Amino acid sequence: MNLTTLEEIQEWAESNLINRKQASKVAGLNYEGFSSAIKRKHIKPFIEIGDEKGPSTTRLYLKSDVESYAKKVKPRKKSTN
């Protein structure tokens, strides 16, 4: 991957970075389930922007990381039903 212009970087970011709401949907988890995955460090933000921890911090997740986690979690969800 060789991103040389701002437009290429923006296009990559729009295709590969997702917010928390999008990430929980991709992972197939509700808000609490996604929060639990973050606390257990199964899912980590790709980037955090903000000076303080909490709601004022913007966290973006790498879509491929969330998709990989969803594949790992999917078999466990089926076996518990």
N, C-alpha and C. Protein backbone atom coordinates (compact mmCIF):
# COMPACT_ATOMS: atom_id res chain seq x y z
N MET A 1 0.85 -1.17 0.00
CA MET A 1 0.00 0.00 0.00
C MET A 1 0.90 1.23 0.00
N ASN A 2 0.70 2.06 -0.99
CA ASN A 2 1.50 3.26 -1.12
C ASN A 2 0.56 4.45 -1.28
N LEU A 3 0.24 5.09 -0.18
CA LEU A 3 -0.66 6.24 -0.21
C LEU A 3 0.17 7.51 -0.29
N THR A 4 -0.01 8.24 -1.37
CA THR A 4 0.85 9.40 -1.57
C THR A 4 0.11 10.74 -1.54
N THR A 5 -1.19 10.71 -1.75
CA THR A 5 -1.93 11.98 -1.73
C THR A 5 -2.97 11.96 -0.61
N LEU A 6 -3.39 13.12 -0.22
CA LEU A 6 -4.43 13.21 0.81
C LEU A 6 -5.71 12.51 0.36
N GLU A 7 -6.01 12.59 -0.92
CA GLU A 7 -7.21 11.93 -1.44
C GLU A 7 -7.10 10.42 -1.29
N GLU A 8 -5.93 9.85 -1.54
CA GLU A 8 -5.73 8.40 -1.39
C GLU A 8 -5.85 7.99 0.08
N ILE A 9 -5.30 8.79 0.95
CA ILE A 9 -5.39 8.50 2.39
C ILE A 9 -6.85 8.57 2.84
N GLN A 10 -7.57 9.59 2.40
CA GLN A 10 -8.98 9.73 2.76
C GLN A 10 -9.79 8.55 2.23
N GLU A 11 -9.55 8.14 1.00
CA GLU A 11 -10.27 7.00 0.42
C GLU A 11 -9.99 5.73 1.21
N TRP A 12 -8.72 5.52 1.58
CA TRP A 12 -8.36 4.34 2.38
C TRP A 12 -9.09 4.37 3.72
N ALA A 13 -9.07 5.53 4.38
CA ALA A 13 -9.71 5.66 5.69
C ALA A 13 -11.21 5.40 5.60
N GLU A 14 -11.87 5.94 4.60
CA GLU A 14 -13.31 5.74 4.44
C GLU A 14 -13.65 4.27 4.17
N SER A 15 -12.76 3.54 3.54
CA SER A 15 -13.00 2.13 3.22
C SER A 15 -12.62 1.18 4.35
N ASN A 16 -11.70 1.59 5.22
CA ASN A 16 -11.12 0.67 6.19
C ASN A 16 -11.34 1.00 7.66
N LEU A 17 -11.77 2.22 7.97
CA LEU A 17 -11.97 2.61 9.36
C LEU A 17 -13.46 2.77 9.64
N ILE A 18 -13.90 2.25 10.79
CA ILE A 18 -15.31 2.33 11.17
C ILE A 18 -15.43 2.80 12.61
N ASN A 19 -16.56 3.42 12.91
CA ASN A 19 -16.79 3.89 14.27
C ASN A 19 -17.35 2.76 15.13
N ARG A 20 -17.61 3.05 16.38
CA ARG A 20 -18.06 2.02 17.33
C ARG A 20 -19.39 1.40 16.92
N LYS A 21 -20.32 2.22 16.51
CA LYS A 21 -21.64 1.72 16.12
C LYS A 21 -21.52 0.77 14.93
N GLN A 22 -20.74 1.18 13.93
CA GLN A 22 -20.53 0.33 12.76
C GLN A 22 -19.80 -0.94 13.15
N ALA A 23 -18.80 -0.82 14.02
CA ALA A 23 -18.00 -1.98 14.43
C ALA A 23 -18.84 -3.00 15.19
N SER A 24 -19.72 -2.53 16.06
CA SER A 24 -20.55 -3.48 16.81
C SER A 24 -21.50 -4.20 15.87
N LYS A 25 -21.97 -3.51 14.84
CA LYS A 25 -22.85 -4.15 13.85
C LYS A 25 -22.08 -5.20 13.05
N VAL A 26 -20.87 -4.86 12.60
CA VAL A 26 -20.03 -5.81 11.85
C VAL A 26 -19.73 -7.04 12.71
N ALA A 27 -19.47 -6.82 13.99
CA ALA A 27 -19.15 -7.93 14.90
C ALA A 27 -20.38 -8.73 15.31
N GLY A 28 -21.56 -8.17 15.05
CA GLY A 28 -22.79 -8.85 15.44
C GLY A 28 -23.04 -8.81 16.94
N LEU A 29 -22.57 -7.73 17.57
CA LEU A 29 -22.70 -7.59 19.02
C LEU A 29 -23.56 -6.37 19.37
N ASN A 30 -24.24 -6.44 20.50
CA ASN A 30 -24.93 -5.26 20.99
C ASN A 30 -23.91 -4.36 21.69
N TYR A 31 -24.37 -3.21 22.20
CA TYR A 31 -23.46 -2.24 22.82
C TYR A 31 -22.67 -2.86 23.97
N GLU A 32 -23.37 -3.61 24.83
CA GLU A 32 -22.71 -4.21 26.00
C GLU A 32 -21.69 -5.28 25.57
N GLY A 33 -22.06 -6.07 24.58
CA GLY A 33 -21.15 -7.11 24.10
C GLY A 33 -19.89 -6.51 23.49
N PHE A 34 -20.06 -5.43 22.73
CA PHE A 34 -18.91 -4.78 22.13
C PHE A 34 -18.04 -4.14 23.20
N SER A 35 -18.68 -3.53 24.21
CA SER A 35 -17.92 -2.94 25.33
C SER A 35 -17.10 -4.01 26.04
N SER A 36 -17.69 -5.17 26.22
CA SER A 36 -16.99 -6.28 26.87
C SER A 36 -15.79 -6.73 26.05
N ALA A 37 -15.95 -6.81 24.74
CA ALA A 37 -14.85 -7.21 23.86
C ALA A 37 -13.70 -6.19 23.93
N ILE A 38 -14.04 -4.92 24.06
CA ILE A 38 -13.02 -3.87 24.19
C ILE A 38 -12.30 -4.01 25.53
N LYS A 39 -13.07 -4.17 26.60
CA LYS A 39 -12.47 -4.28 27.94
C LYS A 39 -11.54 -5.49 28.04
N ARG A 40 -11.90 -6.58 27.38
CA ARG A 40 -11.07 -7.79 27.40
C ARG A 40 -9.94 -7.73 26.37
N LYS A 41 -9.87 -6.59 25.66
CA LYS A 41 -8.82 -6.33 24.67
C LYS A 41 -8.86 -7.30 23.49
N HIS A 42 -10.06 -7.79 23.17
CA HIS A 42 -10.24 -8.60 21.97
C HIS A 42 -10.33 -7.69 20.75
N ILE A 43 -10.83 -6.49 20.97
CA ILE A 43 -10.93 -5.48 19.91
C ILE A 43 -10.26 -4.23 20.45
N LYS A 44 -9.34 -3.69 19.65
CA LYS A 44 -8.63 -2.47 20.06
C LYS A 44 -8.84 -1.39 19.00
N PRO A 45 -8.98 -0.14 19.42
CA PRO A 45 -9.09 0.93 18.44
C PRO A 45 -7.83 1.01 17.58
N PHE A 46 -8.02 1.30 16.31
CA PHE A 46 -6.89 1.52 15.41
C PHE A 46 -6.29 2.88 15.70
N ILE A 47 -7.17 3.83 16.02
CA ILE A 47 -6.72 5.19 16.33
C ILE A 47 -7.67 5.82 17.34
N GLU A 48 -7.11 6.58 18.26
CA GLU A 48 -7.89 7.35 19.24
C GLU A 48 -7.49 8.81 19.09
N ILE A 49 -8.50 9.65 18.94
CA ILE A 49 -8.25 11.08 18.77
C ILE A 49 -8.96 11.82 19.89
N GLY A 50 -8.22 12.59 20.64
CA GLY A 50 -8.79 13.36 21.74
C GLY A 50 -7.79 13.49 22.86
N ASP A 51 -7.97 14.52 23.67
CA ASP A 51 -7.04 14.81 24.75
C ASP A 51 -7.34 14.03 26.02
N GLU A 52 -8.61 13.67 26.21
CA GLU A 52 -9.00 13.02 27.46
C GLU A 52 -9.72 11.72 27.16
N LYS A 53 -9.65 10.78 28.10
CA LYS A 53 -10.41 9.54 27.98
C LYS A 53 -11.89 9.85 28.18
N GLY A 54 -12.72 9.05 27.60
CA GLY A 54 -14.16 9.22 27.78
C GLY A 54 -14.86 9.57 26.49
N PRO A 55 -16.07 10.10 26.60
CA PRO A 55 -16.89 10.34 25.41
C PRO A 55 -16.32 11.38 24.44
N SER A 56 -15.42 12.23 24.92
CA SER A 56 -14.86 13.24 24.01
C SER A 56 -13.77 12.66 23.11
N THR A 57 -13.35 11.43 23.37
CA THR A 57 -12.34 10.77 22.55
C THR A 57 -13.02 10.03 21.40
N THR A 58 -12.53 10.26 20.19
CA THR A 58 -13.04 9.54 19.02
C THR A 58 -12.16 8.32 18.79
N ARG A 59 -12.81 7.17 18.69
CA ARG A 59 -12.09 5.92 18.44
C ARG A 59 -12.57 5.33 17.12
N LEU A 60 -11.63 4.97 16.28
CA LEU A 60 -11.95 4.31 15.02
C LEU A 60 -11.30 2.94 15.02
N TYR A 61 -12.01 1.98 14.46
CA TYR A 61 -11.58 0.58 14.46
C TYR A 61 -11.28 0.16 13.04
N LEU A 62 -10.27 -0.69 12.89
CA LEU A 62 -9.92 -1.22 11.58
C LEU A 62 -10.95 -2.29 11.23
N LYS A 63 -11.63 -2.08 10.12
CA LYS A 63 -12.73 -2.97 9.73
C LYS A 63 -12.28 -4.43 9.65
N SER A 64 -11.10 -4.67 9.11
CA SER A 64 -10.61 -6.05 8.98
C SER A 64 -10.38 -6.70 10.34
N ASP A 65 -9.95 -5.93 11.35
CA ASP A 65 -9.78 -6.47 12.70
C ASP A 65 -11.12 -6.90 13.28
N VAL A 66 -12.13 -6.07 13.09
CA VAL A 66 -13.46 -6.37 13.63
C VAL A 66 -14.06 -7.58 12.90
N GLU A 67 -13.85 -7.65 11.59
CA GLU A 67 -14.34 -8.81 10.82
C GLU A 67 -13.67 -10.10 11.28
N SER A 68 -12.37 -10.04 11.55
CA SER A 68 -11.65 -11.22 12.05
C SER A 68 -12.19 -11.65 13.41
N TYR A 69 -12.44 -10.69 14.28
CA TYR A 69 -12.99 -11.01 15.60
C TYR A 69 -14.38 -11.64 15.45
N ALA A 70 -15.18 -11.10 14.56
CA ALA A 70 -16.54 -11.62 14.35
C ALA A 70 -16.50 -13.07 13.90
N LYS A 71 -15.52 -13.44 13.07
CA LYS A 71 -15.40 -14.83 12.61
C LYS A 71 -15.03 -15.75 13.77
N LYS A 72 -14.20 -15.27 14.69
CA LYS A 72 -13.81 -16.08 15.85
C LYS A 72 -14.97 -16.26 16.81
N VAL A 73 -15.77 -15.23 16.99
CA VAL A 73 -16.86 -15.23 17.96
C VAL A 73 -18.09 -15.99 17.43
N LYS A 74 -18.29 -15.99 16.13
CA LYS A 74 -19.48 -16.59 15.54
C LYS A 74 -19.65 -18.07 15.91
N PRO A 75 -18.61 -18.91 15.80
CA PRO A 75 -18.78 -20.32 16.18
C PRO A 75 -19.15 -20.49 17.65
N ARG A 76 -18.62 -19.66 18.54
CA ARG A 76 -18.93 -19.74 19.97
C ARG A 76 -20.39 -19.40 20.23
N LYS A 77 -20.90 -18.39 19.52
CA LYS A 77 -22.29 -17.99 19.70
C LYS A 77 -23.23 -19.14 19.31
N LYS A 78 -22.91 -19.85 18.22
CA LYS A 78 -23.75 -20.96 17.76
C LYS A 78 -23.72 -22.11 18.75
N SER A 79 -22.57 -22.39 19.33
CA SER A 79 -22.45 -23.54 20.24
C SER A 79 -23.14 -23.30 21.58
N THR A 80 -23.39 -22.04 21.93
CA THR A 80 -24.05 -21.75 23.20
C THR A 80 -25.57 -21.74 23.07
N ASN A 81 -26.08 -21.79 21.84
CA ASN A 81 -27.55 -21.77 21.64
C ASN A 81 -28.15 -23.13 21.76
